Structure formats: C-alpha cells, structure tokens
Amino acid sequence: MKHADNLVVRKAEKGDIDGIIQVFETTYLQDESWARSALRRLLATSNYVMLVAELGGRVVGYVDYYVLPSIWEKWNEATINYLFVHKDYQGKGFGSKLLEEVVERADKAGIVELHVCTEKGNKPAIRLYTKHGFLKKYVLLERVKEPVHQSSKNC
C-alpha cells in the first residue's frame, strides 16, 4: 500500500503536463487539448503556482493557486484554483499533503488570506479544507453563459 509518507510535492514543470492530464482524466476532464494549452499558459504565468504530487515517478495529484495583492488590505492573498488527486490514490492523505504544502508556501510568502472554493455538495473536499483550517465561509456566485467561439477572421 502506497501512502503519503512516500509522496513528493514539488513545483510543476512542462514535463508534468501528461501526468497532470492523466490525473484529470480520472476526476474531471472536458477537453484535453484545451487543458494542455491552459496548463502551458499557466506554467508561464508569474503569479500562478502549480504543484504536483509525485509517487514513484508518477504524478498522482495536482494543486494550483494564484497570488494577488489585496485592494482592501496591505497584503497579498492567494486563491487555490484546483486540487485533484488521481482516483486510484484518493483517501490516502495525498490531498492533505498537497494542501499542507500550499499552506506552508503561503505562510512563508507572508500571505495572510488563503481562499478556496468548491462545489456546495462536494462533501469530501469540504471535509478536507475544514480539516486544514479553512473555516470562514463566504458565498461564491457564478454566472455561466455560452462561450463565444472565436472565428478565423482577423479583426
């Protein structure tokens, strides 16, 4: 049985994209081509941090977060965007290890507020986040509209 003690959490690199996609395939992936392109763009974004959980050379988890200055407070704040653990490795503490690494990095960077959002009905994620001290609740509202597909015309 492989468990979190053997897990390595590190910054993601270009070479990790295939492994990250494999994690997404077991959890939630709508469009592989889009996801690959987005991951490449995010890797090049300076205020965006992407971490992978690696076990025996295999990517088994992924978390990312972005850091922005607060407009209201005199500090930076961070928001966890996604946290995924490969379906075959869930329930082994890997999500906790990823989250602990984000919290540690945020603390070292002097980040005062660390935010995360998840679906209201995602009870496993809510348990994970509250276990790690995410207790203050806010309401996140979402507006969804049909995407406008870019035409091939040059404007």
N, C-alpha and C. Protein backbone atom coordinates (compact mmCIF):
# COMPACT_ATOMS: atom_id res chain seq x y z
N MET A 1 0.85 -1.19 0.00
CA MET A 1 0.00 0.00 0.00
C MET A 1 0.89 1.24 0.00
N LYS A 2 0.70 2.09 -0.98
CA LYS A 2 1.47 3.33 -1.05
C LYS A 2 0.72 4.41 -0.31
N HIS A 3 1.45 5.21 0.46
CA HIS A 3 0.78 6.25 1.23
C HIS A 3 1.56 7.55 1.19
N ALA A 4 1.03 8.53 1.87
CA ALA A 4 1.52 9.90 1.78
C ALA A 4 2.95 10.10 2.26
N ASP A 5 3.49 9.19 3.08
CA ASP A 5 4.87 9.35 3.55
C ASP A 5 5.88 9.30 2.42
N ASN A 6 5.57 8.61 1.34
CA ASN A 6 6.47 8.47 0.20
C ASN A 6 6.21 9.50 -0.89
N LEU A 7 5.30 10.39 -0.63
CA LEU A 7 4.89 11.37 -1.62
C LEU A 7 5.85 12.55 -1.67
N VAL A 8 6.15 13.00 -2.87
CA VAL A 8 6.97 14.20 -3.07
C VAL A 8 6.07 15.26 -3.69
N VAL A 9 5.98 16.43 -3.06
CA VAL A 9 5.23 17.55 -3.62
C VAL A 9 6.24 18.57 -4.09
N ARG A 10 6.12 18.97 -5.35
CA ARG A 10 7.09 19.90 -5.94
C ARG A 10 6.40 20.78 -6.97
N LYS A 11 7.13 21.83 -7.39
CA LYS A 11 6.62 22.70 -8.45
C LYS A 11 6.47 21.92 -9.74
N ALA A 12 5.38 22.17 -10.43
CA ALA A 12 5.14 21.51 -11.71
C ALA A 12 6.06 22.09 -12.78
N GLU A 13 6.39 21.23 -13.73
CA GLU A 13 7.22 21.61 -14.87
C GLU A 13 6.49 21.21 -16.15
N LYS A 14 6.99 21.71 -17.28
CA LYS A 14 6.39 21.37 -18.58
C LYS A 14 6.25 19.86 -18.76
N GLY A 15 7.25 19.11 -18.33
CA GLY A 15 7.25 17.67 -18.49
C GLY A 15 6.19 16.95 -17.66
N ASP A 16 5.53 17.67 -16.76
CA ASP A 16 4.49 17.07 -15.92
C ASP A 16 3.10 17.12 -16.55
N ILE A 17 2.97 17.82 -17.66
CA ILE A 17 1.64 18.03 -18.24
C ILE A 17 0.93 16.71 -18.53
N ASP A 18 1.64 15.73 -19.10
CA ASP A 18 0.99 14.44 -19.39
C ASP A 18 0.47 13.80 -18.11
N GLY A 19 1.26 13.82 -17.06
CA GLY A 19 0.84 13.25 -15.78
C GLY A 19 -0.35 13.98 -15.19
N ILE A 20 -0.35 15.30 -15.30
CA ILE A 20 -1.47 16.09 -14.79
C ILE A 20 -2.74 15.74 -15.56
N ILE A 21 -2.61 15.64 -16.88
CA ILE A 21 -3.76 15.25 -17.71
C ILE A 21 -4.29 13.88 -17.28
N GLN A 22 -3.40 12.95 -16.98
CA GLN A 22 -3.84 11.61 -16.53
C GLN A 22 -4.63 11.71 -15.22
N VAL A 23 -4.21 12.59 -14.32
CA VAL A 23 -4.97 12.81 -13.08
C VAL A 23 -6.35 13.37 -13.42
N PHE A 24 -6.38 14.37 -14.29
CA PHE A 24 -7.67 14.98 -14.68
C PHE A 24 -8.60 13.95 -15.31
N GLU A 25 -8.04 13.04 -16.12
CA GLU A 25 -8.86 12.03 -16.79
C GLU A 25 -9.62 11.16 -15.79
N THR A 26 -9.07 10.96 -14.60
CA THR A 26 -9.73 10.10 -13.61
C THR A 26 -10.70 10.88 -12.72
N THR A 27 -10.67 12.20 -12.83
CA THR A 27 -11.52 13.01 -11.96
C THR A 27 -12.48 13.86 -12.77
N TYR A 28 -11.94 14.74 -13.58
CA TYR A 28 -12.78 15.66 -14.35
C TYR A 28 -11.96 16.26 -15.48
N LEU A 29 -12.30 15.92 -16.71
CA LEU A 29 -11.62 16.48 -17.87
C LEU A 29 -12.63 16.62 -18.99
N GLN A 30 -12.85 17.85 -19.43
CA GLN A 30 -13.79 18.08 -20.53
C GLN A 30 -13.11 18.05 -21.89
N ASP A 31 -11.97 18.70 -22.00
CA ASP A 31 -11.32 18.86 -23.29
C ASP A 31 -9.81 18.81 -23.08
N GLU A 32 -9.20 17.71 -23.44
CA GLU A 32 -7.77 17.52 -23.21
C GLU A 32 -6.92 18.57 -23.90
N SER A 33 -7.24 18.88 -25.14
CA SER A 33 -6.47 19.86 -25.89
C SER A 33 -6.49 21.23 -25.19
N TRP A 34 -7.68 21.64 -24.77
CA TRP A 34 -7.81 22.91 -24.05
C TRP A 34 -7.02 22.87 -22.75
N ALA A 35 -7.14 21.77 -21.99
CA ALA A 35 -6.45 21.65 -20.71
C ALA A 35 -4.93 21.73 -20.90
N ARG A 36 -4.41 21.06 -21.92
CA ARG A 36 -2.96 21.11 -22.18
C ARG A 36 -2.51 22.53 -22.48
N SER A 37 -3.27 23.21 -23.32
CA SER A 37 -2.94 24.59 -23.67
C SER A 37 -3.00 25.49 -22.44
N ALA A 38 -4.04 25.32 -21.63
CA ALA A 38 -4.19 26.13 -20.43
C ALA A 38 -3.04 25.87 -19.46
N LEU A 39 -2.65 24.62 -19.28
CA LEU A 39 -1.54 24.29 -18.38
C LEU A 39 -0.24 24.94 -18.85
N ARG A 40 0.01 24.92 -20.15
CA ARG A 40 1.22 25.57 -20.68
C ARG A 40 1.20 27.07 -20.40
N ARG A 41 0.04 27.70 -20.60
CA ARG A 41 -0.07 29.15 -20.34
C ARG A 41 0.10 29.44 -18.85
N LEU A 42 -0.51 28.62 -18.01
CA LEU A 42 -0.41 28.85 -16.56
C LEU A 42 1.01 28.66 -16.05
N LEU A 43 1.73 27.70 -16.60
CA LEU A 43 3.12 27.50 -16.19
C LEU A 43 3.97 28.74 -16.46
N ALA A 44 3.58 29.53 -17.43
CA ALA A 44 4.32 30.74 -17.80
C ALA A 44 3.82 31.99 -17.08
N THR A 45 2.84 31.84 -16.20
CA THR A 45 2.25 32.99 -15.51
C THR A 45 2.96 33.20 -14.18
N SER A 46 3.48 34.41 -13.97
CA SER A 46 4.37 34.64 -12.82
C SER A 46 3.68 34.54 -11.46
N ASN A 47 2.43 34.93 -11.33
CA ASN A 47 1.77 34.92 -10.02
C ASN A 47 0.95 33.64 -9.81
N TYR A 48 1.20 32.65 -10.63
CA TYR A 48 0.45 31.40 -10.57
C TYR A 48 1.40 30.28 -10.17
N VAL A 49 1.02 29.49 -9.18
CA VAL A 49 1.87 28.40 -8.70
C VAL A 49 1.16 27.08 -8.96
N MET A 50 1.87 26.16 -9.58
CA MET A 50 1.33 24.84 -9.85
C MET A 50 2.24 23.81 -9.18
N LEU A 51 1.63 22.93 -8.39
CA LEU A 51 2.38 21.88 -7.70
C LEU A 51 1.84 20.52 -8.11
N VAL A 52 2.72 19.53 -8.14
CA VAL A 52 2.29 18.16 -8.38
C VAL A 52 2.70 17.30 -7.20
N ALA A 53 1.91 16.27 -6.97
CA ALA A 53 2.25 15.23 -6.00
C ALA A 53 2.75 14.06 -6.82
N GLU A 54 3.95 13.60 -6.49
CA GLU A 54 4.59 12.55 -7.27
C GLU A 54 4.87 11.36 -6.36
N LEU A 55 4.56 10.19 -6.84
CA LEU A 55 4.78 8.96 -6.10
C LEU A 55 5.46 7.97 -7.02
N GLY A 56 6.68 7.61 -6.69
CA GLY A 56 7.41 6.66 -7.54
C GLY A 56 7.56 7.13 -8.97
N GLY A 57 7.75 8.43 -9.16
CA GLY A 57 7.93 8.98 -10.51
C GLY A 57 6.65 9.24 -11.26
N ARG A 58 5.50 8.98 -10.63
CA ARG A 58 4.21 9.18 -11.29
C ARG A 58 3.46 10.33 -10.64
N VAL A 59 2.91 11.23 -11.45
CA VAL A 59 2.09 12.32 -10.93
C VAL A 59 0.75 11.73 -10.50
N VAL A 60 0.42 11.91 -9.21
CA VAL A 60 -0.83 11.36 -8.68
C VAL A 60 -1.75 12.45 -8.13
N GLY A 61 -1.27 13.71 -8.15
CA GLY A 61 -2.10 14.79 -7.65
C GLY A 61 -1.62 16.13 -8.18
N TYR A 62 -2.47 17.11 -8.05
CA TYR A 62 -2.21 18.43 -8.62
C TYR A 62 -2.95 19.48 -7.81
N VAL A 63 -2.30 20.59 -7.56
CA VAL A 63 -2.95 21.74 -6.95
C VAL A 63 -2.36 22.99 -7.59
N ASP A 64 -3.17 24.01 -7.75
CA ASP A 64 -2.65 25.28 -8.24
C ASP A 64 -3.31 26.42 -7.48
N TYR A 65 -2.59 27.53 -7.42
CA TYR A 65 -3.13 28.72 -6.76
C TYR A 65 -2.48 29.95 -7.36
N TYR A 66 -3.19 31.06 -7.23
CA TYR A 66 -2.64 32.31 -7.72
C TYR A 66 -2.57 33.31 -6.57
N VAL A 67 -1.62 34.22 -6.68
CA VAL A 67 -1.37 35.22 -5.65
C VAL A 67 -1.62 36.60 -6.23
N LEU A 68 -2.43 37.38 -5.52
CA LEU A 68 -2.74 38.74 -5.96
C LEU A 68 -2.66 39.69 -4.77
N PRO A 69 -2.32 40.95 -5.01
CA PRO A 69 -2.37 41.91 -3.91
C PRO A 69 -3.82 42.23 -3.57
N SER A 70 -4.09 42.37 -2.29
CA SER A 70 -5.43 42.77 -1.86
C SER A 70 -5.61 44.26 -2.13
N ILE A 71 -6.75 44.61 -2.63
CA ILE A 71 -7.06 46.03 -2.85
C ILE A 71 -7.39 46.69 -1.51
N TRP A 72 -8.02 45.92 -0.62
CA TRP A 72 -8.51 46.48 0.64
C TRP A 72 -7.49 46.41 1.76
N GLU A 73 -6.70 45.38 1.78
CA GLU A 73 -5.73 45.18 2.85
C GLU A 73 -4.32 45.43 2.31
N LYS A 74 -3.37 45.59 3.20
CA LYS A 74 -1.99 45.83 2.78
C LYS A 74 -1.21 44.52 2.78
N TRP A 75 -1.70 43.54 2.03
CA TRP A 75 -1.02 42.25 1.93
C TRP A 75 -1.46 41.54 0.66
N ASN A 76 -0.74 40.47 0.38
CA ASN A 76 -1.13 39.61 -0.73
C ASN A 76 -2.07 38.52 -0.22
N GLU A 77 -2.94 38.08 -1.09
CA GLU A 77 -3.79 36.94 -0.76
C GLU A 77 -3.69 35.94 -1.90
N ALA A 78 -4.02 34.70 -1.57
CA ALA A 78 -3.92 33.64 -2.58
C ALA A 78 -5.23 32.88 -2.63
N THR A 79 -5.51 32.33 -3.80
CA THR A 79 -6.71 31.53 -4.00
C THR A 79 -6.32 30.22 -4.67
N ILE A 80 -6.69 29.13 -4.02
CA ILE A 80 -6.49 27.82 -4.61
C ILE A 80 -7.55 27.66 -5.69
N ASN A 81 -7.08 27.34 -6.88
CA ASN A 81 -7.97 27.22 -8.01
C ASN A 81 -8.47 25.77 -8.15
N TYR A 82 -7.55 24.82 -8.21
CA TYR A 82 -7.90 23.41 -8.37
C TYR A 82 -7.04 22.54 -7.47
N LEU A 83 -7.64 21.48 -6.97
CA LEU A 83 -6.90 20.44 -6.25
C LEU A 83 -7.53 19.11 -6.68
N PHE A 84 -6.72 18.28 -7.33
CA PHE A 84 -7.19 16.98 -7.82
C PHE A 84 -6.22 15.89 -7.37
N VAL A 85 -6.76 14.75 -6.99
CA VAL A 85 -5.97 13.56 -6.72
C VAL A 85 -6.50 12.45 -7.62
N HIS A 86 -5.57 11.75 -8.27
CA HIS A 86 -5.93 10.63 -9.14
C HIS A 86 -6.89 9.71 -8.40
N LYS A 87 -7.92 9.27 -9.09
CA LYS A 87 -8.98 8.45 -8.49
C LYS A 87 -8.42 7.24 -7.73
N ASP A 88 -7.38 6.60 -8.26
CA ASP A 88 -6.81 5.41 -7.63
C ASP A 88 -6.02 5.72 -6.36
N TYR A 89 -5.76 7.00 -6.09
CA TYR A 89 -4.94 7.38 -4.94
C TYR A 89 -5.70 8.22 -3.92
N GLN A 90 -6.99 8.38 -4.12
CA GLN A 90 -7.79 9.16 -3.18
C GLN A 90 -7.96 8.40 -1.87
N GLY A 91 -8.09 9.15 -0.78
CA GLY A 91 -8.29 8.55 0.54
C GLY A 91 -7.02 8.09 1.20
N LYS A 92 -5.86 8.47 0.68
CA LYS A 92 -4.57 8.05 1.23
C LYS A 92 -3.78 9.21 1.84
N GLY A 93 -4.41 10.38 1.93
CA GLY A 93 -3.73 11.53 2.52
C GLY A 93 -3.00 12.41 1.52
N PHE A 94 -3.11 12.10 0.22
CA PHE A 94 -2.38 12.89 -0.78
C PHE A 94 -2.95 14.29 -0.93
N GLY A 95 -4.27 14.42 -0.86
CA GLY A 95 -4.88 15.74 -0.92
C GLY A 95 -4.43 16.59 0.26
N SER A 96 -4.33 15.99 1.44
CA SER A 96 -3.84 16.71 2.62
C SER A 96 -2.41 17.18 2.42
N LYS A 97 -1.57 16.32 1.86
CA LYS A 97 -0.17 16.69 1.63
C LYS A 97 -0.08 17.87 0.66
N LEU A 98 -0.87 17.84 -0.40
CA LEU A 98 -0.87 18.95 -1.35
C LEU A 98 -1.32 20.23 -0.66
N LEU A 99 -2.39 20.15 0.11
CA LEU A 99 -2.92 21.33 0.79
C LEU A 99 -1.95 21.85 1.83
N GLU A 100 -1.31 20.96 2.57
CA GLU A 100 -0.31 21.37 3.56
C GLU A 100 0.84 22.11 2.90
N GLU A 101 1.26 21.67 1.73
CA GLU A 101 2.34 22.34 1.01
C GLU A 101 1.93 23.74 0.58
N VAL A 102 0.70 23.90 0.11
CA VAL A 102 0.21 25.22 -0.27
C VAL A 102 0.20 26.14 0.95
N VAL A 103 -0.33 25.65 2.06
CA VAL A 103 -0.40 26.46 3.29
C VAL A 103 1.01 26.85 3.74
N GLU A 104 1.94 25.92 3.70
CA GLU A 104 3.32 26.22 4.11
C GLU A 104 3.95 27.26 3.20
N ARG A 105 3.77 27.11 1.90
CA ARG A 105 4.33 28.09 0.95
C ARG A 105 3.68 29.46 1.13
N ALA A 106 2.37 29.47 1.36
CA ALA A 106 1.66 30.74 1.57
C ALA A 106 2.17 31.42 2.83
N ASP A 107 2.34 30.66 3.90
CA ASP A 107 2.85 31.22 5.15
C ASP A 107 4.25 31.81 4.96
N LYS A 108 5.13 31.07 4.27
CA LYS A 108 6.49 31.55 4.03
C LYS A 108 6.49 32.82 3.18
N ALA A 109 5.52 32.95 2.27
CA ALA A 109 5.44 34.12 1.40
C ALA A 109 4.74 35.30 2.08
N GLY A 110 4.29 35.10 3.32
CA GLY A 110 3.62 36.19 4.03
C GLY A 110 2.18 36.41 3.60
N ILE A 111 1.59 35.43 2.98
CA ILE A 111 0.20 35.55 2.54
C ILE A 111 -0.71 35.41 3.75
N VAL A 112 -1.55 36.41 3.97
CA VAL A 112 -2.41 36.45 5.14
C VAL A 112 -3.71 35.70 4.89
N GLU A 113 -4.32 35.91 3.73
CA GLU A 113 -5.58 35.25 3.41
C GLU A 113 -5.35 34.22 2.32
N LEU A 114 -5.83 32.99 2.58
CA LEU A 114 -5.76 31.92 1.61
C LEU A 114 -7.19 31.44 1.40
N HIS A 115 -7.65 31.52 0.18
CA HIS A 115 -9.04 31.20 -0.17
C HIS A 115 -9.10 29.90 -0.97
N VAL A 116 -10.24 29.26 -0.91
CA VAL A 116 -10.52 28.10 -1.75
C VAL A 116 -12.03 28.04 -1.96
N CYS A 117 -12.43 27.57 -3.12
CA CYS A 117 -13.86 27.36 -3.34
C CYS A 117 -14.06 25.96 -3.89
N THR A 118 -15.21 25.43 -3.63
CA THR A 118 -15.57 24.12 -4.15
C THR A 118 -17.08 24.07 -4.30
N GLU A 119 -17.55 23.09 -5.00
CA GLU A 119 -19.00 22.93 -5.16
C GLU A 119 -19.64 22.72 -3.79
N LYS A 120 -20.81 23.28 -3.59
CA LYS A 120 -21.52 23.21 -2.32
C LYS A 120 -21.77 21.76 -1.88
N GLY A 121 -21.95 20.86 -2.82
CA GLY A 121 -22.24 19.46 -2.50
C GLY A 121 -21.02 18.55 -2.47
N ASN A 122 -19.82 19.11 -2.65
CA ASN A 122 -18.60 18.30 -2.67
C ASN A 122 -18.13 18.08 -1.23
N LYS A 123 -18.80 17.18 -0.54
CA LYS A 123 -18.53 16.95 0.88
C LYS A 123 -17.10 16.48 1.17
N PRO A 124 -16.51 15.60 0.36
CA PRO A 124 -15.11 15.22 0.64
C PRO A 124 -14.16 16.42 0.59
N ALA A 125 -14.34 17.30 -0.38
CA ALA A 125 -13.48 18.48 -0.49
C ALA A 125 -13.71 19.42 0.69
N ILE A 126 -14.96 19.61 1.06
CA ILE A 126 -15.27 20.49 2.19
C ILE A 126 -14.64 19.94 3.47
N ARG A 127 -14.72 18.61 3.67
CA ARG A 127 -14.08 18.00 4.85
C ARG A 127 -12.58 18.23 4.83
N LEU A 128 -11.96 18.07 3.66
CA LEU A 128 -10.52 18.27 3.54
C LEU A 128 -10.14 19.70 3.92
N TYR A 129 -10.84 20.67 3.35
CA TYR A 129 -10.50 22.06 3.60
C TYR A 129 -10.75 22.46 5.05
N THR A 130 -11.86 22.04 5.63
CA THR A 130 -12.13 22.41 7.03
C THR A 130 -11.14 21.72 7.96
N LYS A 131 -10.73 20.50 7.64
CA LYS A 131 -9.71 19.79 8.44
C LYS A 131 -8.41 20.60 8.50
N HIS A 132 -8.14 21.37 7.46
CA HIS A 132 -6.91 22.15 7.38
C HIS A 132 -7.11 23.62 7.71
N GLY A 133 -8.20 23.94 8.38
CA GLY A 133 -8.37 25.29 8.92
C GLY A 133 -9.11 26.28 8.05
N PHE A 134 -9.69 25.85 6.96
CA PHE A 134 -10.50 26.75 6.13
C PHE A 134 -11.91 26.74 6.70
N LEU A 135 -12.19 27.71 7.56
CA LEU A 135 -13.44 27.67 8.32
C LEU A 135 -14.40 28.81 8.00
N LYS A 136 -13.87 29.98 7.68
CA LYS A 136 -14.73 31.13 7.40
C LYS A 136 -15.41 30.92 6.05
N LYS A 137 -16.72 31.02 6.04
CA LYS A 137 -17.47 30.73 4.81
C LYS A 137 -17.96 32.01 4.14
N TYR A 138 -17.84 32.03 2.85
CA TYR A 138 -18.35 33.10 2.01
C TYR A 138 -19.24 32.47 0.96
N VAL A 139 -19.96 33.28 0.26
CA VAL A 139 -20.77 32.79 -0.83
C VAL A 139 -20.08 33.19 -2.13
N LEU A 140 -19.90 32.23 -2.99
CA LEU A 140 -19.34 32.48 -4.31
C LEU A 140 -20.46 32.25 -5.31
N LEU A 141 -20.80 33.28 -6.03
CA LEU A 141 -21.85 33.18 -7.03
C LEU A 141 -21.20 33.05 -8.40
N GLU A 142 -21.84 32.32 -9.28
CA GLU A 142 -21.27 32.08 -10.59
C GLU A 142 -22.29 32.42 -11.67
N ARG A 143 -21.83 33.08 -12.68
CA ARG A 143 -22.64 33.36 -13.85
C ARG A 143 -22.05 32.55 -14.99
N VAL A 144 -22.86 31.79 -15.65
CA VAL A 144 -22.38 30.97 -16.76
C VAL A 144 -23.14 31.37 -18.01
N LYS A 145 -22.40 31.60 -19.08
CA LYS A 145 -23.04 31.87 -20.36
C LYS A 145 -22.34 31.04 -21.41
N GLU A 146 -22.99 30.87 -22.50
CA GLU A 146 -22.40 30.10 -23.59
C GLU A 146 -21.14 30.81 -24.08
N PRO A 147 -20.06 30.07 -24.24
CA PRO A 147 -18.83 30.69 -24.75
C PRO A 147 -19.00 31.15 -26.18
N VAL A 148 -18.35 32.24 -26.48
CA VAL A 148 -18.35 32.75 -27.84
C VAL A 148 -17.14 32.13 -28.53
N HIS A 149 -17.37 31.40 -29.58
CA HIS A 149 -16.28 30.76 -30.30
C HIS A 149 -15.61 31.77 -31.22
N GLN A 150 -14.30 31.81 -31.13
CA GLN A 150 -13.56 32.77 -31.96
C GLN A 150 -13.63 32.33 -33.42
N SER A 151 -13.87 33.30 -34.26
CA SER A 151 -13.90 33.00 -35.69
C SER A 151 -12.48 33.10 -36.23
N SER A 152 -12.32 32.62 -37.43
CA SER A 152 -11.00 32.65 -38.05
C SER A 152 -10.68 34.02 -38.66
N LYS A 153 -11.63 34.95 -38.60
CA LYS A 153 -11.41 36.27 -39.16
C LYS A 153 -10.44 37.05 -38.26
N ASN A 154 -9.59 37.82 -38.87
CA ASN A 154 -8.72 38.72 -38.13
C ASN A 154 -9.40 40.07 -38.00
N CYS A 155 -9.53 40.56 -36.80
CA CYS A 155 -10.19 41.84 -36.61
C CYS A 155 -9.18 42.95 -36.48
